[in-house]
N, C-alpha and C. Protein backbone atom coordinates (compact mmCIF):
# COMPACT_ATOMS: atom_id res chain seq x y z
N UNK A 1 -5.66 -19.75 -4.85
CA UNK A 1 -4.56 -19.75 -3.91
C UNK A 1 -3.26 -19.52 -4.66
N UNK A 2 -2.44 -18.65 -4.13
CA UNK A 2 -1.15 -18.36 -4.77
C UNK A 2 -0.15 -19.46 -4.40
N UNK A 3 0.65 -19.86 -5.38
CA UNK A 3 1.65 -20.89 -5.11
C UNK A 3 2.85 -20.25 -4.41
N UNK A 4 3.59 -21.03 -3.62
CA UNK A 4 4.79 -20.49 -2.97
C UNK A 4 5.78 -19.93 -3.99
N UNK A 5 5.89 -20.58 -5.15
CA UNK A 5 6.81 -20.10 -6.18
C UNK A 5 6.39 -18.73 -6.70
N UNK A 6 5.09 -18.56 -6.99
CA UNK A 6 4.62 -17.28 -7.49
C UNK A 6 4.80 -16.18 -6.43
N UNK A 7 4.52 -16.50 -5.18
CA UNK A 7 4.68 -15.52 -4.10
C UNK A 7 6.15 -15.12 -3.94
N UNK A 8 7.03 -16.11 -4.01
CA UNK A 8 8.46 -15.83 -3.88
C UNK A 8 8.94 -14.95 -5.03
N UNK A 9 8.54 -15.30 -6.26
CA UNK A 9 8.94 -14.48 -7.42
C UNK A 9 8.37 -13.07 -7.31
N UNK A 10 7.15 -12.97 -6.83
CA UNK A 10 6.51 -11.64 -6.71
C UNK A 10 7.26 -10.78 -5.69
N UNK A 11 7.63 -11.37 -4.57
CA UNK A 11 8.38 -10.61 -3.56
C UNK A 11 9.74 -10.21 -4.12
N UNK A 12 10.39 -11.12 -4.87
CA UNK A 12 11.67 -10.78 -5.51
C UNK A 12 11.49 -9.62 -6.49
N UNK A 13 10.42 -9.67 -7.27
CA UNK A 13 10.14 -8.58 -8.20
C UNK A 13 9.88 -7.28 -7.48
N UNK A 14 9.12 -7.34 -6.38
CA UNK A 14 8.82 -6.13 -5.60
C UNK A 14 10.09 -5.54 -5.00
N UNK A 15 11.00 -6.41 -4.55
CA UNK A 15 12.26 -5.92 -4.00
C UNK A 15 13.12 -5.26 -5.08
N UNK A 16 13.06 -5.78 -6.29
CA UNK A 16 13.78 -5.12 -7.40
C UNK A 16 13.15 -3.77 -7.71
N UNK A 17 11.81 -3.73 -7.75
CA UNK A 17 11.14 -2.44 -7.96
C UNK A 17 11.49 -1.47 -6.84
N UNK A 18 11.60 -1.98 -5.62
CA UNK A 18 11.92 -1.13 -4.47
C UNK A 18 13.28 -0.47 -4.62
N UNK A 19 14.14 -1.05 -5.44
CA UNK A 19 15.45 -0.46 -5.76
C UNK A 19 15.37 0.36 -7.05
N UNK A 20 14.14 0.61 -7.50
CA UNK A 20 13.87 1.37 -8.73
C UNK A 20 14.49 0.71 -9.95
N UNK A 21 14.35 -0.60 -9.99
CA UNK A 21 14.80 -1.41 -11.13
C UNK A 21 13.55 -1.92 -11.84
N UNK A 22 13.27 -1.37 -13.02
CA UNK A 22 12.04 -1.74 -13.73
C UNK A 22 12.02 -3.20 -14.17
N UNK A 23 13.16 -3.87 -14.15
CA UNK A 23 13.18 -5.29 -14.50
C UNK A 23 12.49 -6.16 -13.44
N UNK A 24 12.16 -5.55 -12.33
CA UNK A 24 11.40 -6.27 -11.30
C UNK A 24 10.06 -6.74 -11.83
N UNK A 25 9.52 -6.05 -12.81
CA UNK A 25 8.22 -6.43 -13.37
C UNK A 25 8.28 -7.79 -14.08
N UNK A 26 9.46 -8.21 -14.46
CA UNK A 26 9.60 -9.50 -15.15
C UNK A 26 9.30 -10.68 -14.23
N UNK A 27 9.29 -10.46 -12.93
CA UNK A 27 9.05 -11.52 -11.96
C UNK A 27 7.57 -11.75 -11.68
N UNK A 28 6.71 -10.84 -12.16
CA UNK A 28 5.29 -10.90 -11.82
C UNK A 28 4.48 -11.73 -12.82
N UNK A 29 3.44 -12.32 -12.31
CA UNK A 29 2.46 -13.03 -13.12
C UNK A 29 1.42 -12.00 -13.57
N UNK A 30 1.61 -11.43 -14.74
CA UNK A 30 0.76 -10.34 -15.23
C UNK A 30 -0.45 -10.88 -15.98
N UNK A 31 -1.19 -11.77 -15.32
CA UNK A 31 -2.42 -12.32 -15.88
C UNK A 31 -3.57 -11.95 -14.94
N UNK A 32 -4.79 -12.26 -15.36
CA UNK A 32 -5.93 -12.00 -14.48
C UNK A 32 -5.75 -12.77 -13.17
N UNK A 33 -5.34 -14.04 -13.26
CA UNK A 33 -5.10 -14.83 -12.04
C UNK A 33 -3.98 -14.22 -11.21
N UNK A 34 -2.92 -13.74 -11.86
CA UNK A 34 -1.82 -13.09 -11.15
C UNK A 34 -2.27 -11.82 -10.45
N UNK A 35 -3.19 -11.09 -11.08
CA UNK A 35 -3.73 -9.88 -10.45
C UNK A 35 -4.46 -10.25 -9.16
N UNK A 36 -5.36 -11.24 -9.24
CA UNK A 36 -6.08 -11.65 -8.03
C UNK A 36 -5.13 -12.23 -6.99
N UNK A 37 -4.12 -12.96 -7.45
CA UNK A 37 -3.14 -13.52 -6.51
C UNK A 37 -2.34 -12.43 -5.80
N UNK A 38 -2.17 -11.27 -6.44
CA UNK A 38 -1.38 -10.20 -5.83
C UNK A 38 -2.03 -9.66 -4.57
N UNK A 39 -3.32 -9.90 -4.41
CA UNK A 39 -3.99 -9.46 -3.19
C UNK A 39 -3.61 -10.33 -1.98
N UNK A 40 -2.91 -11.43 -2.23
CA UNK A 40 -2.34 -12.20 -1.12
C UNK A 40 -1.28 -11.37 -0.41
N UNK A 41 -0.78 -10.33 -1.07
CA UNK A 41 0.13 -9.41 -0.39
C UNK A 41 -0.49 -8.82 0.86
N UNK A 42 -1.80 -8.58 0.82
CA UNK A 42 -2.50 -8.08 2.00
C UNK A 42 -2.43 -9.09 3.14
N UNK A 43 -2.52 -10.38 2.81
CA UNK A 43 -2.44 -11.42 3.84
C UNK A 43 -1.03 -11.49 4.42
N UNK A 44 -0.03 -11.23 3.59
CA UNK A 44 1.36 -11.25 4.06
C UNK A 44 1.59 -10.11 5.04
N UNK A 45 1.06 -8.94 4.74
CA UNK A 45 1.30 -7.76 5.56
C UNK A 45 0.32 -7.64 6.73
N UNK A 46 -0.80 -8.34 6.68
CA UNK A 46 -1.85 -8.19 7.70
C UNK A 46 -1.36 -8.40 9.13
N UNK A 47 -0.56 -9.42 9.44
CA UNK A 47 -0.12 -9.59 10.84
C UNK A 47 0.64 -8.36 11.36
N UNK A 48 1.52 -7.82 10.54
CA UNK A 48 2.29 -6.64 10.97
C UNK A 48 1.37 -5.42 11.09
N UNK A 49 0.42 -5.30 10.17
CA UNK A 49 -0.54 -4.19 10.23
C UNK A 49 -1.37 -4.28 11.51
N UNK A 50 -1.87 -5.45 11.83
CA UNK A 50 -2.70 -5.59 13.03
C UNK A 50 -1.89 -5.51 14.32
N UNK A 51 -0.60 -5.82 14.27
CA UNK A 51 0.28 -5.55 15.41
C UNK A 51 0.37 -4.04 15.62
N UNK A 52 0.55 -3.30 14.52
CA UNK A 52 0.62 -1.83 14.62
C UNK A 52 -0.70 -1.27 15.15
N UNK A 53 -1.83 -1.80 14.69
CA UNK A 53 -3.14 -1.36 15.17
C UNK A 53 -3.28 -1.64 16.67
N UNK A 54 -2.84 -2.81 17.09
CA UNK A 54 -2.93 -3.18 18.51
C UNK A 54 -2.05 -2.26 19.36
N UNK A 55 -0.83 -2.02 18.91
CA UNK A 55 0.07 -1.13 19.65
C UNK A 55 -0.55 0.27 19.72
N UNK A 56 -1.07 0.75 18.60
CA UNK A 56 -1.71 2.07 18.58
C UNK A 56 -2.92 2.09 19.50
N UNK A 57 -3.67 1.00 19.52
CA UNK A 57 -4.84 0.92 20.37
C UNK A 57 -4.51 0.96 21.85
N UNK A 58 -3.44 0.27 22.24
CA UNK A 58 -3.10 0.20 23.66
C UNK A 58 -2.16 1.32 24.12
N UNK A 59 -1.27 1.78 23.25
CA UNK A 59 -0.28 2.77 23.66
C UNK A 59 -0.46 4.11 22.98
N UNK A 60 -1.34 4.17 22.03
CA UNK A 60 -1.49 5.39 21.25
C UNK A 60 -2.68 6.22 21.65
N UNK A 61 -3.45 6.58 20.67
CA UNK A 61 -4.52 7.55 20.85
C UNK A 61 -5.87 6.95 21.20
N UNK A 62 -6.01 5.66 21.12
CA UNK A 62 -7.31 5.05 21.37
C UNK A 62 -7.40 4.63 22.84
N UNK A 63 -8.48 4.98 23.53
CA UNK A 63 -8.59 4.63 24.95
C UNK A 63 -8.81 3.14 25.20
N UNK A 64 -9.31 2.43 24.22
CA UNK A 64 -9.50 0.99 24.41
C UNK A 64 -9.54 0.29 23.05
N UNK A 65 -9.42 -1.01 23.09
CA UNK A 65 -9.48 -1.81 21.87
C UNK A 65 -10.91 -2.30 21.68
N UNK A 66 -11.82 -1.38 21.45
CA UNK A 66 -13.23 -1.73 21.31
C UNK A 66 -13.48 -2.47 20.00
N UNK A 67 -14.59 -3.15 19.97
CA UNK A 67 -15.01 -3.85 18.75
C UNK A 67 -15.16 -2.86 17.60
N UNK A 68 -15.67 -1.68 17.90
CA UNK A 68 -15.83 -0.64 16.88
C UNK A 68 -14.49 -0.25 16.26
N UNK A 69 -13.50 -0.02 17.12
CA UNK A 69 -12.16 0.36 16.66
C UNK A 69 -11.55 -0.73 15.78
N UNK A 70 -11.57 -1.95 16.26
CA UNK A 70 -10.98 -3.07 15.51
C UNK A 70 -11.72 -3.29 14.20
N UNK A 71 -13.05 -3.23 14.23
CA UNK A 71 -13.86 -3.43 13.01
C UNK A 71 -13.55 -2.37 11.96
N UNK A 72 -13.46 -1.12 12.40
CA UNK A 72 -13.15 -0.03 11.46
C UNK A 72 -11.75 -0.18 10.88
N UNK A 73 -10.80 -0.61 11.69
CA UNK A 73 -9.44 -0.82 11.18
C UNK A 73 -9.42 -1.94 10.13
N UNK A 74 -10.16 -2.99 10.37
CA UNK A 74 -10.23 -4.09 9.39
C UNK A 74 -10.86 -3.59 8.09
N UNK A 75 -11.94 -2.82 8.19
CA UNK A 75 -12.61 -2.28 7.00
C UNK A 75 -11.67 -1.34 6.25
N UNK A 76 -10.97 -0.46 6.98
CA UNK A 76 -10.05 0.47 6.32
C UNK A 76 -8.89 -0.26 5.65
N UNK A 77 -8.41 -1.32 6.29
CA UNK A 77 -7.33 -2.11 5.70
C UNK A 77 -7.80 -2.72 4.37
N UNK A 78 -8.98 -3.33 4.39
CA UNK A 78 -9.52 -3.93 3.16
C UNK A 78 -9.77 -2.87 2.09
N UNK A 79 -10.35 -1.75 2.49
CA UNK A 79 -10.62 -0.68 1.53
C UNK A 79 -9.33 -0.13 0.92
N UNK A 80 -8.28 -0.03 1.73
CA UNK A 80 -7.03 0.52 1.22
C UNK A 80 -6.40 -0.41 0.17
N UNK A 81 -6.71 -1.68 0.25
CA UNK A 81 -6.19 -2.62 -0.74
C UNK A 81 -7.06 -2.69 -1.99
N UNK A 82 -8.34 -2.36 -1.87
CA UNK A 82 -9.27 -2.57 -2.99
C UNK A 82 -9.64 -1.29 -3.73
N UNK A 83 -9.79 -0.18 -3.02
CA UNK A 83 -10.34 1.04 -3.63
C UNK A 83 -9.49 1.57 -4.79
N UNK A 84 -8.19 1.68 -4.60
CA UNK A 84 -7.34 2.23 -5.65
C UNK A 84 -7.31 1.34 -6.89
N UNK A 85 -7.10 0.02 -6.77
CA UNK A 85 -7.15 -0.81 -7.98
C UNK A 85 -8.49 -0.73 -8.72
N UNK A 86 -9.59 -0.65 -7.97
CA UNK A 86 -10.90 -0.51 -8.62
C UNK A 86 -10.99 0.80 -9.38
N UNK A 87 -10.51 1.88 -8.78
CA UNK A 87 -10.52 3.17 -9.47
C UNK A 87 -9.64 3.12 -10.71
N UNK A 88 -8.51 2.43 -10.61
CA UNK A 88 -7.59 2.35 -11.75
C UNK A 88 -8.16 1.52 -12.90
N UNK A 89 -9.03 0.56 -12.62
CA UNK A 89 -9.69 -0.17 -13.71
C UNK A 89 -10.42 0.82 -14.59
N UNK A 90 -11.18 1.71 -13.97
CA UNK A 90 -11.94 2.72 -14.72
C UNK A 90 -11.00 3.70 -15.43
N UNK A 91 -10.00 4.21 -14.71
CA UNK A 91 -9.06 5.18 -15.30
C UNK A 91 -8.34 4.57 -16.50
N UNK A 92 -7.88 3.34 -16.35
CA UNK A 92 -7.16 2.68 -17.45
C UNK A 92 -8.07 2.47 -18.66
N UNK A 93 -9.31 2.15 -18.40
CA UNK A 93 -10.27 1.96 -19.49
C UNK A 93 -10.50 3.28 -20.23
N UNK A 94 -10.72 4.35 -19.49
CA UNK A 94 -11.01 5.66 -20.09
C UNK A 94 -9.80 6.21 -20.85
N UNK A 95 -8.60 6.03 -20.30
CA UNK A 95 -7.40 6.62 -20.91
C UNK A 95 -6.68 5.69 -21.88
N UNK A 96 -7.23 4.52 -22.11
CA UNK A 96 -6.62 3.61 -23.08
C UNK A 96 -5.40 2.87 -22.56
N UNK A 97 -5.31 2.70 -21.26
CA UNK A 97 -4.18 1.99 -20.66
C UNK A 97 -4.55 0.57 -20.28
N UNK A 98 -5.69 0.09 -20.70
CA UNK A 98 -6.20 -1.22 -20.24
C UNK A 98 -5.24 -2.37 -20.50
N UNK A 99 -4.53 -2.33 -21.63
CA UNK A 99 -3.63 -3.44 -21.95
C UNK A 99 -2.47 -3.54 -20.96
N UNK A 100 -2.19 -2.47 -20.19
CA UNK A 100 -1.10 -2.47 -19.22
C UNK A 100 -1.59 -2.55 -17.77
N UNK A 101 -2.93 -2.62 -17.61
CA UNK A 101 -3.47 -2.60 -16.25
C UNK A 101 -3.01 -3.77 -15.40
N UNK A 102 -2.99 -4.97 -15.97
CA UNK A 102 -2.65 -6.14 -15.16
C UNK A 102 -1.25 -6.05 -14.56
N UNK A 103 -0.27 -5.67 -15.35
CA UNK A 103 1.09 -5.56 -14.81
C UNK A 103 1.15 -4.44 -13.79
N UNK A 104 0.43 -3.35 -14.04
CA UNK A 104 0.39 -2.26 -13.06
C UNK A 104 -0.24 -2.73 -11.75
N UNK A 105 -1.39 -3.38 -11.83
CA UNK A 105 -2.09 -3.82 -10.62
C UNK A 105 -1.26 -4.79 -9.80
N UNK A 106 -0.64 -5.74 -10.48
CA UNK A 106 0.19 -6.73 -9.78
C UNK A 106 1.40 -6.05 -9.14
N UNK A 107 2.10 -5.23 -9.91
CA UNK A 107 3.30 -4.56 -9.39
C UNK A 107 2.96 -3.60 -8.25
N UNK A 108 1.87 -2.89 -8.40
CA UNK A 108 1.46 -1.94 -7.36
C UNK A 108 1.15 -2.66 -6.05
N UNK A 109 0.42 -3.76 -6.12
CA UNK A 109 0.08 -4.49 -4.89
C UNK A 109 1.33 -5.04 -4.21
N UNK A 110 2.23 -5.63 -4.98
CA UNK A 110 3.43 -6.20 -4.36
C UNK A 110 4.37 -5.11 -3.87
N UNK A 111 4.43 -3.98 -4.56
CA UNK A 111 5.26 -2.85 -4.07
C UNK A 111 4.71 -2.33 -2.75
N UNK A 112 3.39 -2.36 -2.59
CA UNK A 112 2.78 -1.95 -1.31
C UNK A 112 3.24 -2.84 -0.16
N UNK A 113 3.47 -4.10 -0.44
CA UNK A 113 3.96 -5.01 0.61
C UNK A 113 5.33 -4.55 1.08
N UNK A 114 6.20 -4.21 0.15
CA UNK A 114 7.56 -3.78 0.50
C UNK A 114 7.51 -2.49 1.32
N UNK A 115 6.74 -1.52 0.87
CA UNK A 115 6.64 -0.25 1.60
C UNK A 115 6.09 -0.49 3.01
N UNK A 116 5.07 -1.33 3.11
CA UNK A 116 4.48 -1.61 4.42
C UNK A 116 5.47 -2.29 5.35
N UNK A 117 6.33 -3.15 4.82
CA UNK A 117 7.31 -3.84 5.65
C UNK A 117 8.31 -2.86 6.27
N UNK A 118 8.51 -1.71 5.64
CA UNK A 118 9.38 -0.68 6.21
C UNK A 118 8.59 0.31 7.07
N UNK A 119 7.42 0.70 6.60
CA UNK A 119 6.65 1.75 7.26
C UNK A 119 6.03 1.30 8.59
N UNK A 120 5.49 0.11 8.64
CA UNK A 120 4.78 -0.33 9.85
C UNK A 120 5.69 -0.46 11.08
N UNK A 121 6.89 -1.04 10.97
CA UNK A 121 7.77 -1.06 12.15
C UNK A 121 8.14 0.35 12.63
N UNK A 122 8.30 1.28 11.69
CA UNK A 122 8.60 2.66 12.08
C UNK A 122 7.41 3.26 12.83
N UNK A 123 6.20 2.99 12.34
CA UNK A 123 5.01 3.49 13.02
C UNK A 123 4.88 2.88 14.42
N UNK A 124 5.20 1.61 14.55
CA UNK A 124 5.17 0.97 15.87
C UNK A 124 6.19 1.62 16.80
N UNK A 125 7.39 1.86 16.30
CA UNK A 125 8.43 2.51 17.11
C UNK A 125 8.01 3.90 17.55
N UNK A 126 7.34 4.63 16.67
CA UNK A 126 6.85 5.97 17.03
C UNK A 126 5.79 5.88 18.11
N UNK A 127 4.84 4.98 17.94
CA UNK A 127 3.77 4.83 18.92
C UNK A 127 4.32 4.44 20.29
N UNK A 128 5.33 3.58 20.32
CA UNK A 128 5.93 3.15 21.59
C UNK A 128 6.88 4.18 22.19
N UNK A 129 7.14 5.23 21.43
CA UNK A 129 8.03 6.29 21.92
C UNK A 129 9.50 6.03 21.67
N UNK A 130 9.82 4.97 20.93
CA UNK A 130 11.22 4.67 20.62
C UNK A 130 11.80 5.67 19.62
N UNK A 131 10.94 6.27 18.81
CA UNK A 131 11.35 7.33 17.89
C UNK A 131 10.52 8.56 18.23
N UNK A 132 11.21 9.66 18.43
CA UNK A 132 10.49 10.91 18.70
C UNK A 132 11.33 12.07 18.18
N UNK A 133 10.74 13.24 18.21
CA UNK A 133 11.46 14.44 17.81
C UNK A 133 11.92 14.41 16.37
N UNK A 134 13.17 14.82 16.17
CA UNK A 134 13.70 14.93 14.80
C UNK A 134 13.88 13.56 14.14
N UNK A 135 14.20 12.52 14.94
CA UNK A 135 14.34 11.18 14.37
C UNK A 135 13.01 10.71 13.80
N UNK A 136 11.94 10.98 14.55
CA UNK A 136 10.60 10.59 14.08
C UNK A 136 10.25 11.36 12.81
N UNK A 137 10.48 12.66 12.81
CA UNK A 137 10.16 13.48 11.64
C UNK A 137 10.94 13.02 10.42
N UNK A 138 12.22 12.73 10.63
CA UNK A 138 13.06 12.28 9.52
C UNK A 138 12.57 10.95 8.96
N UNK A 139 12.28 9.99 9.84
CA UNK A 139 11.84 8.67 9.37
C UNK A 139 10.49 8.75 8.67
N UNK A 140 9.56 9.54 9.20
CA UNK A 140 8.26 9.70 8.55
C UNK A 140 8.41 10.35 7.18
N UNK A 141 9.22 11.38 7.10
CA UNK A 141 9.45 12.05 5.81
C UNK A 141 10.10 11.09 4.82
N UNK A 142 11.06 10.33 5.29
CA UNK A 142 11.74 9.36 4.43
C UNK A 142 10.76 8.33 3.87
N UNK A 143 9.90 7.78 4.73
CA UNK A 143 8.92 6.78 4.29
C UNK A 143 7.93 7.39 3.30
N UNK A 144 7.46 8.60 3.58
CA UNK A 144 6.49 9.24 2.69
C UNK A 144 7.10 9.51 1.32
N UNK A 145 8.29 10.09 1.30
CA UNK A 145 8.94 10.40 0.03
C UNK A 145 9.25 9.12 -0.75
N UNK A 146 9.77 8.11 -0.04
CA UNK A 146 10.08 6.85 -0.70
C UNK A 146 8.83 6.19 -1.27
N UNK A 147 7.76 6.16 -0.47
CA UNK A 147 6.50 5.55 -0.91
C UNK A 147 5.94 6.24 -2.15
N UNK A 148 5.92 7.57 -2.12
CA UNK A 148 5.42 8.31 -3.27
C UNK A 148 6.31 8.11 -4.49
N UNK A 149 7.62 8.09 -4.27
CA UNK A 149 8.55 7.87 -5.38
C UNK A 149 8.39 6.49 -6.00
N UNK A 150 8.23 5.49 -5.15
CA UNK A 150 8.05 4.13 -5.66
C UNK A 150 6.73 4.00 -6.40
N UNK A 151 5.67 4.60 -5.86
CA UNK A 151 4.37 4.57 -6.54
C UNK A 151 4.46 5.23 -7.91
N UNK A 152 5.15 6.35 -7.97
CA UNK A 152 5.34 7.06 -9.24
C UNK A 152 6.12 6.19 -10.22
N UNK A 153 7.21 5.58 -9.74
CA UNK A 153 8.04 4.72 -10.58
C UNK A 153 7.25 3.55 -11.13
N UNK A 154 6.46 2.90 -10.28
CA UNK A 154 5.64 1.76 -10.71
C UNK A 154 4.63 2.20 -11.77
N UNK A 155 3.93 3.29 -11.52
CA UNK A 155 2.94 3.78 -12.49
C UNK A 155 3.61 4.13 -13.82
N UNK A 156 4.69 4.85 -13.74
CA UNK A 156 5.38 5.32 -14.97
C UNK A 156 5.86 4.15 -15.82
N UNK A 157 6.44 3.15 -15.19
CA UNK A 157 7.06 2.08 -15.97
C UNK A 157 6.12 0.92 -16.30
N UNK A 158 5.14 0.66 -15.47
CA UNK A 158 4.24 -0.44 -15.80
C UNK A 158 3.14 0.00 -16.76
N UNK A 159 2.69 1.24 -16.62
CA UNK A 159 1.65 1.74 -17.54
C UNK A 159 2.26 2.37 -18.79
N UNK A 160 3.58 2.55 -18.81
CA UNK A 160 4.29 3.17 -19.93
C UNK A 160 3.67 4.54 -20.24
N UNK A 161 3.62 5.38 -19.19
CA UNK A 161 3.03 6.71 -19.32
C UNK A 161 4.08 7.77 -19.01
N UNK A 162 3.76 9.03 -19.34
CA UNK A 162 4.71 10.10 -19.09
C UNK A 162 4.71 10.50 -17.61
N UNK A 163 5.64 11.37 -17.25
CA UNK A 163 5.83 11.75 -15.85
C UNK A 163 4.60 12.44 -15.27
N UNK A 164 3.95 13.29 -16.03
CA UNK A 164 2.76 13.99 -15.53
C UNK A 164 1.62 13.02 -15.26
N UNK A 165 1.42 12.07 -16.17
CA UNK A 165 0.36 11.08 -15.97
C UNK A 165 0.65 10.22 -14.75
N UNK A 166 1.92 9.84 -14.57
CA UNK A 166 2.30 9.04 -13.39
C UNK A 166 2.06 9.84 -12.11
N UNK A 167 2.35 11.13 -12.16
CA UNK A 167 2.10 11.99 -11.00
C UNK A 167 0.61 12.04 -10.69
N UNK A 168 -0.22 12.13 -11.73
CA UNK A 168 -1.68 12.15 -11.52
C UNK A 168 -2.16 10.84 -10.89
N UNK A 169 -1.59 9.72 -11.30
CA UNK A 169 -1.96 8.42 -10.72
C UNK A 169 -1.61 8.40 -9.23
N UNK A 170 -0.43 8.90 -8.88
CA UNK A 170 -0.01 8.93 -7.48
C UNK A 170 -0.91 9.87 -6.67
N UNK A 171 -1.24 11.02 -7.23
CA UNK A 171 -2.13 11.97 -6.53
C UNK A 171 -3.49 11.31 -6.28
N UNK A 172 -3.99 10.59 -7.27
CA UNK A 172 -5.27 9.89 -7.09
C UNK A 172 -5.16 8.85 -5.97
N UNK A 173 -4.08 8.12 -5.93
CA UNK A 173 -3.86 7.12 -4.89
C UNK A 173 -3.83 7.77 -3.51
N UNK A 174 -3.11 8.88 -3.39
CA UNK A 174 -3.02 9.60 -2.12
C UNK A 174 -4.41 10.09 -1.70
N UNK A 175 -5.15 10.65 -2.65
CA UNK A 175 -6.49 11.16 -2.34
C UNK A 175 -7.40 10.04 -1.85
N UNK A 176 -7.37 8.90 -2.53
CA UNK A 176 -8.22 7.77 -2.13
C UNK A 176 -7.85 7.30 -0.72
N UNK A 177 -6.55 7.16 -0.45
CA UNK A 177 -6.13 6.71 0.88
C UNK A 177 -6.45 7.75 1.95
N UNK A 178 -6.31 9.03 1.61
CA UNK A 178 -6.68 10.09 2.56
C UNK A 178 -8.17 10.00 2.88
N UNK A 179 -8.99 9.82 1.86
CA UNK A 179 -10.43 9.73 2.07
C UNK A 179 -10.79 8.55 2.97
N UNK A 180 -10.14 7.41 2.75
CA UNK A 180 -10.40 6.22 3.58
C UNK A 180 -10.04 6.51 5.03
N UNK A 181 -8.85 7.10 5.28
CA UNK A 181 -8.43 7.40 6.65
C UNK A 181 -9.31 8.47 7.29
N UNK A 182 -9.71 9.48 6.50
CA UNK A 182 -10.58 10.54 7.01
C UNK A 182 -11.94 9.96 7.40
N UNK A 183 -12.49 9.13 6.53
CA UNK A 183 -13.77 8.47 6.81
C UNK A 183 -13.66 7.63 8.08
N UNK A 184 -12.57 6.88 8.20
CA UNK A 184 -12.37 6.05 9.38
C UNK A 184 -12.23 6.88 10.65
N UNK A 185 -11.51 8.00 10.56
CA UNK A 185 -11.35 8.87 11.73
C UNK A 185 -12.69 9.45 12.17
N UNK A 186 -13.51 9.81 11.21
CA UNK A 186 -14.84 10.33 11.55
C UNK A 186 -15.67 9.28 12.27
N UNK A 187 -15.62 8.05 11.78
CA UNK A 187 -16.40 6.98 12.40
C UNK A 187 -15.85 6.55 13.76
N UNK A 188 -14.54 6.73 13.97
CA UNK A 188 -13.94 6.35 15.25
C UNK A 188 -14.16 7.39 16.33
N UNK A 189 -14.42 8.62 15.93
CA UNK A 189 -14.60 9.66 16.93
C UNK A 189 -15.86 9.40 17.74
N UNK A 190 -15.85 9.78 19.00
CA UNK A 190 -17.02 9.52 19.86
C UNK A 190 -18.28 10.17 19.28
N UNK A 191 -19.38 9.47 19.40
CA UNK A 191 -20.64 9.95 18.84
C UNK A 191 -21.21 11.08 19.68
């Protein structure tokens, strides 16, 4: 269980990273326990994520909130939190970045919380029709660019790698998340 102090410091560190301040990493518990504790970020963001899923289910593209739909969303949420860090364990081992993996994993998980806190309300507003047209396009583009930029910044500074390597890490993350969403869309489509 993560302590309130560790969670508070982690959120403070993530907010500093969100401003592209690499000193945000000083707030993280870069230990094995700190790595596992960083997955509590998923618990912090889960209520907002499931609100977005519910809104999408009732007002968006899904005709009903079936058990299948909700189950697949829960599985995709869990996979999105676990798949990339697992892949990075292997990548870090192969490329000799293992000594920096813990700080990367912790920072990446907590940075995801910050991005989600901005992205999910925008997605809810889009689904409800509060944002449409050029405002919707602008906000989506802003979130995507910001998210990719923050992911690149975290990889570059926590793994102490060059710009090309950080870009490759971000591309891998995007590919993994795309695959999870694609797989989920296939399973949600009518049989």
